[in-house]
Amino acid sequence: DSMAKQLVDLIHKCESSVTEDPDACMKVLNIAKCFKAEIHKLNWAPSMDLIVAEVLAEV
């Protein structure tokens, strides 16, 4: 529950931190870039080894 709140807060923080762009696609892309950077700062992003293992487990 606290993790979900932290994720929502992070998205709102990124929404308010990106500059306004008339192109909605670019605005969302900039929010996603911010979110990705912040997730890495929190060390919540999975490692490449984990991603590869998950992909190979599905094959």
PDB file of N, CA and C in Angstrom:
ATOM      1  N   ASP A   1       0.828  -1.191   0.000  1.00  0.00           N
ATOM      2  CA  ASP A   1       0.000   0.000   0.000  1.00  0.00           C
ATOM      3  C   ASP A   1       0.875   1.259   0.000  1.00  0.00           C
ATOM      4  N   SER A   2       1.920   1.251   0.818  1.00  0.00           N
ATOM      5  CA  SER A   2       2.815   2.415   0.845  1.00  0.00           C
ATOM      6  C   SER A   2       3.622   2.499  -0.451  1.00  0.00           C
ATOM      7  N   MET A   3       3.939   1.340  -1.044  1.00  0.00           N
ATOM      8  CA  MET A   3       4.671   1.343  -2.309  1.00  0.00           C
ATOM      9  C   MET A   3       3.798   1.942  -3.417  1.00  0.00           C
ATOM     10  N   ALA A   4       2.517   1.583  -3.420  1.00  0.00           N
ATOM     11  CA  ALA A   4       1.599   2.136  -4.421  1.00  0.00           C
ATOM     12  C   ALA A   4       1.499   3.650  -4.270  1.00  0.00           C
ATOM     13  N   LYS A   5       1.409   4.117  -3.032  1.00  0.00           N
ATOM     14  CA  LYS A   5       1.332   5.564  -2.794  1.00  0.00           C
ATOM     15  C   LYS A   5       2.609   6.243  -3.262  1.00  0.00           C
ATOM     16  N   GLN A   6       3.740   5.611  -3.007  1.00  0.00           N
ATOM     17  CA  GLN A   6       5.013   6.191  -3.418  1.00  0.00           C
ATOM     18  C   GLN A   6       5.098   6.273  -4.947  1.00  0.00           C
ATOM     19  N   LEU A   7       4.593   5.242  -5.637  1.00  0.00           N
ATOM     20  CA  LEU A   7       4.604   5.258  -7.100  1.00  0.00           C
ATOM     21  C   LEU A   7       3.698   6.361  -7.648  1.00  0.00           C
ATOM     22  N   VAL A   8       2.515   6.497  -7.070  1.00  0.00           N
ATOM     23  CA  VAL A   8       1.591   7.546  -7.510  1.00  0.00           C
ATOM     24  C   VAL A   8       2.197   8.922  -7.251  1.00  0.00           C
ATOM     25  N   ASP A   9       2.798   9.105  -6.087  1.00  0.00           N
ATOM     26  CA  ASP A   9       3.449  10.385  -5.775  1.00  0.00           C
ATOM     27  C   ASP A   9       4.576  10.681  -6.763  1.00  0.00           C
ATOM     28  N   LEU A  10       5.312   9.642  -7.132  1.00  0.00           N
ATOM     29  CA  LEU A  10       6.408   9.798  -8.081  1.00  0.00           C
ATOM     30  C   LEU A  10       5.885  10.237  -9.446  1.00  0.00           C
ATOM     31  N   ILE A  11       4.793   9.636  -9.887  1.00  0.00           N
ATOM     32  CA  ILE A  11       4.198  10.022 -11.173  1.00  0.00           C
ATOM     33  C   ILE A  11       3.732  11.477 -11.125  1.00  0.00           C
ATOM     34  N   HIS A  12       3.074  11.860 -10.043  1.00  0.00           N
ATOM     35  CA  HIS A  12       2.612  13.248  -9.918  1.00  0.00           C
ATOM     36  C   HIS A  12       3.788  14.224  -9.884  1.00  0.00           C
ATOM     37  N   LYS A  13       4.859  13.838  -9.209  1.00  0.00           N
ATOM     38  CA  LYS A  13       6.059  14.683  -9.162  1.00  0.00           C
ATOM     39  C   LYS A  13       6.620  14.869 -10.571  1.00  0.00           C
ATOM     40  N   CYS A  14       6.674  13.785 -11.327  1.00  0.00           N
ATOM     41  CA  CYS A  14       7.199  13.872 -12.693  1.00  0.00           C
ATOM     42  C   CYS A  14       6.272  14.695 -13.586  1.00  0.00           C
ATOM     43  N   GLU A  15       4.970  14.541 -13.400  1.00  0.00           N
ATOM     44  CA  GLU A  15       4.017  15.334 -14.188  1.00  0.00           C
ATOM     45  C   GLU A  15       4.232  16.829 -13.967  1.00  0.00           C
ATOM     46  N   SER A  16       4.479  17.205 -12.730  1.00  0.00           N
ATOM     47  CA  SER A  16       4.634  18.631 -12.432  1.00  0.00           C
ATOM     48  C   SER A  16       6.026  19.154 -12.780  1.00  0.00           C
ATOM     49  N   SER A  17       7.005  18.260 -12.907  1.00  0.00           N
ATOM     50  CA  SER A  17       8.369  18.728 -13.152  1.00  0.00           C
ATOM     51  C   SER A  17       8.699  18.902 -14.633  1.00  0.00           C
ATOM     52  N   VAL A  18       7.969  18.223 -15.525  1.00  0.00           N
ATOM     53  CA  VAL A  18       8.286  18.357 -16.951  1.00  0.00           C
ATOM     54  C   VAL A  18       7.678  19.647 -17.490  1.00  0.00           C
ATOM     55  N   THR A  19       8.343  20.213 -18.482  1.00  0.00           N
ATOM     56  CA  THR A  19       7.844  21.446 -19.084  1.00  0.00           C
ATOM     57  C   THR A  19       6.633  21.138 -19.956  1.00  0.00           C
ATOM     58  N   GLU A  20       5.754  22.119 -20.067  1.00  0.00           N
ATOM     59  CA  GLU A  20       4.563  21.956 -20.898  1.00  0.00           C
ATOM     60  C   GLU A  20       4.980  21.786 -22.356  1.00  0.00           C
ATOM     61  N   ASP A  21       4.328  20.839 -23.019  1.00  0.00           N
ATOM     62  CA  ASP A  21       4.601  20.583 -24.424  1.00  0.00           C
ATOM     63  C   ASP A  21       3.255  20.474 -25.131  1.00  0.00           C
ATOM     64  N   PRO A  22       3.067  21.197 -26.224  1.00  0.00           N
ATOM     65  CA  PRO A  22       1.784  21.109 -26.929  1.00  0.00           C
ATOM     66  C   PRO A  22       1.531  19.715 -27.503  1.00  0.00           C
ATOM     67  N   ASP A  23       2.599  18.969 -27.739  1.00  0.00           N
ATOM     68  CA  ASP A  23       2.473  17.603 -28.248  1.00  0.00           C
ATOM     69  C   ASP A  23       2.292  16.658 -27.063  1.00  0.00           C
ATOM     70  N   ALA A  24       1.122  16.058 -26.961  1.00  0.00           N
ATOM     71  CA  ALA A  24       0.810  15.175 -25.830  1.00  0.00           C
ATOM     72  C   ALA A  24       1.759  13.981 -25.765  1.00  0.00           C
ATOM     73  N   CYS A  25       2.160  13.465 -26.918  1.00  0.00           N
ATOM     74  CA  CYS A  25       3.074  12.312 -26.934  1.00  0.00           C
ATOM     75  C   CYS A  25       4.427  12.669 -26.317  1.00  0.00           C
ATOM     76  N   MET A  26       4.932  13.846 -26.643  1.00  0.00           N
ATOM     77  CA  MET A  26       6.216  14.275 -26.088  1.00  0.00           C
ATOM     78  C   MET A  26       6.107  14.517 -24.590  1.00  0.00           C
ATOM     79  N   LYS A  27       4.974  15.046 -24.153  1.00  0.00           N
ATOM     80  CA  LYS A  27       4.784  15.281 -22.724  1.00  0.00           C
ATOM     81  C   LYS A  27       4.813  13.959 -21.963  1.00  0.00           C
ATOM     82  N   VAL A  28       4.098  12.952 -22.477  1.00  0.00           N
ATOM     83  CA  VAL A  28       4.072  11.643 -21.823  1.00  0.00           C
ATOM     84  C   VAL A  28       5.452  11.000 -21.864  1.00  0.00           C
ATOM     85  N   LEU A  29       6.167  11.154 -22.969  1.00  0.00           N
ATOM     86  CA  LEU A  29       7.518  10.606 -23.072  1.00  0.00           C
ATOM     87  C   LEU A  29       8.437  11.239 -22.028  1.00  0.00           C
ATOM     88  N   ASN A  30       8.332  12.535 -21.835  1.00  0.00           N
ATOM     89  CA  ASN A  30       9.157  13.216 -20.832  1.00  0.00           C
ATOM     90  C   ASN A  30       8.794  12.778 -19.418  1.00  0.00           C
ATOM     91  N   ILE A  31       7.509  12.550 -19.160  1.00  0.00           N
ATOM     92  CA  ILE A  31       7.091  12.044 -17.850  1.00  0.00           C
ATOM     93  C   ILE A  31       7.671  10.652 -17.637  1.00  0.00           C
ATOM     94  N   ALA A  32       7.627   9.815 -18.673  1.00  0.00           N
ATOM     95  CA  ALA A  32       8.171   8.457 -18.567  1.00  0.00           C
ATOM     96  C   ALA A  32       9.676   8.476 -18.315  1.00  0.00           C
ATOM     97  N   LYS A  33      10.388   9.379 -18.969  1.00  0.00           N
ATOM     98  CA  LYS A  33      11.837   9.498 -18.746  1.00  0.00           C
ATOM     99  C   LYS A  33      12.125   9.884 -17.299  1.00  0.00           C
ATOM    100  N   CYS A  34      11.353  10.832 -16.789  1.00  0.00           N
ATOM    101  CA  CYS A  34      11.504  11.258 -15.394  1.00  0.00           C
ATOM    102  C   CYS A  34      11.232  10.083 -14.458  1.00  0.00           C
ATOM    103  N   PHE A  35      10.147   9.365 -14.721  1.00  0.00           N
ATOM    104  CA  PHE A  35       9.764   8.226 -13.886  1.00  0.00           C
ATOM    105  C   PHE A  35      10.870   7.167 -13.883  1.00  0.00           C
ATOM    106  N   LYS A  36      11.404   6.875 -15.060  1.00  0.00           N
ATOM    107  CA  LYS A  36      12.477   5.877 -15.170  1.00  0.00           C
ATOM    108  C   LYS A  36      13.694   6.304 -14.349  1.00  0.00           C
ATOM    109  N   ALA A  37      14.068   7.560 -14.457  1.00  0.00           N
ATOM    110  CA  ALA A  37      15.227   8.059 -13.710  1.00  0.00           C
ATOM    111  C   ALA A  37      14.988   7.966 -12.209  1.00  0.00           C
ATOM    112  N   GLU A  38      13.790   8.331 -11.770  1.00  0.00           N
ATOM    113  CA  GLU A  38      13.483   8.299 -10.337  1.00  0.00           C
ATOM    114  C   GLU A  38      13.415   6.867  -9.804  1.00  0.00           C
ATOM    115  N   ILE A  39      12.892   5.941 -10.596  1.00  0.00           N
ATOM    116  CA  ILE A  39      12.832   4.534 -10.183  1.00  0.00           C
ATOM    117  C   ILE A  39      14.248   3.997 -10.001  1.00  0.00           C
ATOM    118  N   HIS A  40      15.148   4.377 -10.907  1.00  0.00           N
ATOM    119  CA  HIS A  40      16.540   3.937 -10.773  1.00  0.00           C
ATOM    120  C   HIS A  40      17.186   4.545  -9.529  1.00  0.00           C
ATOM    121  N   LYS A  41      16.842   5.780  -9.198  1.00  0.00           N
ATOM    122  CA  LYS A  41      17.376   6.404  -7.978  1.00  0.00           C
ATOM    123  C   LYS A  41      16.921   5.648  -6.733  1.00  0.00           C
ATOM    124  N   LEU A  42      15.686   5.125  -6.776  1.00  0.00           N
ATOM    125  CA  LEU A  42      15.162   4.353  -5.645  1.00  0.00           C
ATOM    126  C   LEU A  42      15.700   2.923  -5.625  1.00  0.00           C
ATOM    127  N   ASN A  43      16.413   2.550  -6.694  1.00  0.00           N
ATOM    128  CA  ASN A  43      16.949   1.196  -6.860  1.00  0.00           C
ATOM    129  C   ASN A  43      15.820   0.158  -6.916  1.00  0.00           C
ATOM    130  N   TRP A  44      14.702   0.546  -7.524  1.00  0.00           N
ATOM    131  CA  TRP A  44      13.574  -0.367  -7.687  1.00  0.00           C
ATOM    132  C   TRP A  44      13.558  -1.028  -9.058  1.00  0.00           C
ATOM    133  N   ALA A  45      14.380  -0.554  -9.971  1.00  0.00           N
ATOM    134  CA  ALA A  45      14.398  -1.122 -11.316  1.00  0.00           C
ATOM    135  C   ALA A  45      15.066  -2.491 -11.270  1.00  0.00           C
ATOM    136  N   PRO A  46      14.504  -3.462 -11.987  1.00  0.00           N
ATOM    137  CA  PRO A  46      15.120  -4.791 -11.993  1.00  0.00           C
ATOM    138  C   PRO A  46      16.448  -4.762 -12.749  1.00  0.00           C
ATOM    139  N   SER A  47      17.338  -5.654 -12.362  1.00  0.00           N
ATOM    140  CA  SER A  47      18.627  -5.737 -13.050  1.00  0.00           C
ATOM    141  C   SER A  47      18.427  -6.418 -14.406  1.00  0.00           C
ATOM    142  N   MET A  48      19.390  -6.230 -15.296  1.00  0.00           N
ATOM    143  CA  MET A  48      19.313  -6.856 -16.609  1.00  0.00           C
ATOM    144  C   MET A  48      19.322  -8.376 -16.477  1.00  0.00           C
ATOM    145  N   ASP A  49      20.069  -8.911 -15.506  1.00  0.00           N
ATOM    146  CA  ASP A  49      20.099 -10.360 -15.291  1.00  0.00           C
ATOM    147  C   ASP A  49      18.715 -10.893 -14.947  1.00  0.00           C
ATOM    148  N   LEU A  50      18.001 -10.186 -14.107  1.00  0.00           N
ATOM    149  CA  LEU A  50      16.654 -10.605 -13.727  1.00  0.00           C
ATOM    150  C   LEU A  50      15.708 -10.549 -14.922  1.00  0.00           C
ATOM    151  N   ILE A  51      15.803  -9.500 -15.714  1.00  0.00           N
ATOM    152  CA  ILE A  51      14.941  -9.374 -16.891  1.00  0.00           C
ATOM    153  C   ILE A  51      15.197 -10.517 -17.862  1.00  0.00           C
ATOM    154  N   VAL A  52      16.467 -10.810 -18.138  1.00  0.00           N
ATOM    155  CA  VAL A  52      16.811 -11.900 -19.054  1.00  0.00           C
ATOM    156  C   VAL A  52      16.315 -13.231 -18.503  1.00  0.00           C
ATOM    157  N   ALA A  53      16.486 -13.463 -17.216  1.00  0.00           N
ATOM    158  CA  ALA A  53      16.019 -14.709 -16.606  1.00  0.00           C
ATOM    159  C   ALA A  53      14.508 -14.847 -16.735  1.00  0.00           C
ATOM    160  N   GLU A  54      13.774 -13.766 -16.524  1.00  0.00           N
ATOM    161  CA  GLU A  54      12.310 -13.799 -16.654  1.00  0.00           C
ATOM    162  C   GLU A  54      11.893 -14.092 -18.092  1.00  0.00           C
ATOM    163  N   VAL A  55      12.569 -13.467 -19.046  1.00  0.00           N
ATOM    164  CA  VAL A  55      12.243 -13.699 -20.457  1.00  0.00           C
ATOM    165  C   VAL A  55      12.531 -15.143 -20.831  1.00  0.00           C
ATOM    166  N   LEU A  56      13.680 -15.657 -20.420  1.00  0.00           N
ATOM    167  CA  LEU A  56      14.033 -17.039 -20.749  1.00  0.00           C
ATOM    168  C   LEU A  56      13.116 -18.044 -20.061  1.00  0.00           C
ATOM    169  N   ALA A  57      12.618 -17.714 -18.899  1.00  0.00           N
ATOM    170  CA  ALA A  57      11.703 -18.609 -18.190  1.00  0.00           C
ATOM    171  C   ALA A  57      10.374 -18.731 -18.927  1.00  0.00           C
ATOM    172  N   GLU A  58      10.011 -17.705 -19.688  1.00  0.00           N
ATOM    173  CA  GLU A  58       8.749 -17.721 -20.433  1.00  0.00           C
ATOM    174  C   GLU A  58       8.853 -18.513 -21.730  1.00  0.00           C
ATOM    175  N   VAL A  59      10.071 -18.753 -22.214  1.00  0.00           N
ATOM    176  CA  VAL A  59      10.259 -19.439 -23.503  1.00  0.00           C
ATOM    177  C   VAL A  59      10.121 -20.922 -23.355  1.00  0.00           C
TER     178      VAL A  59
END
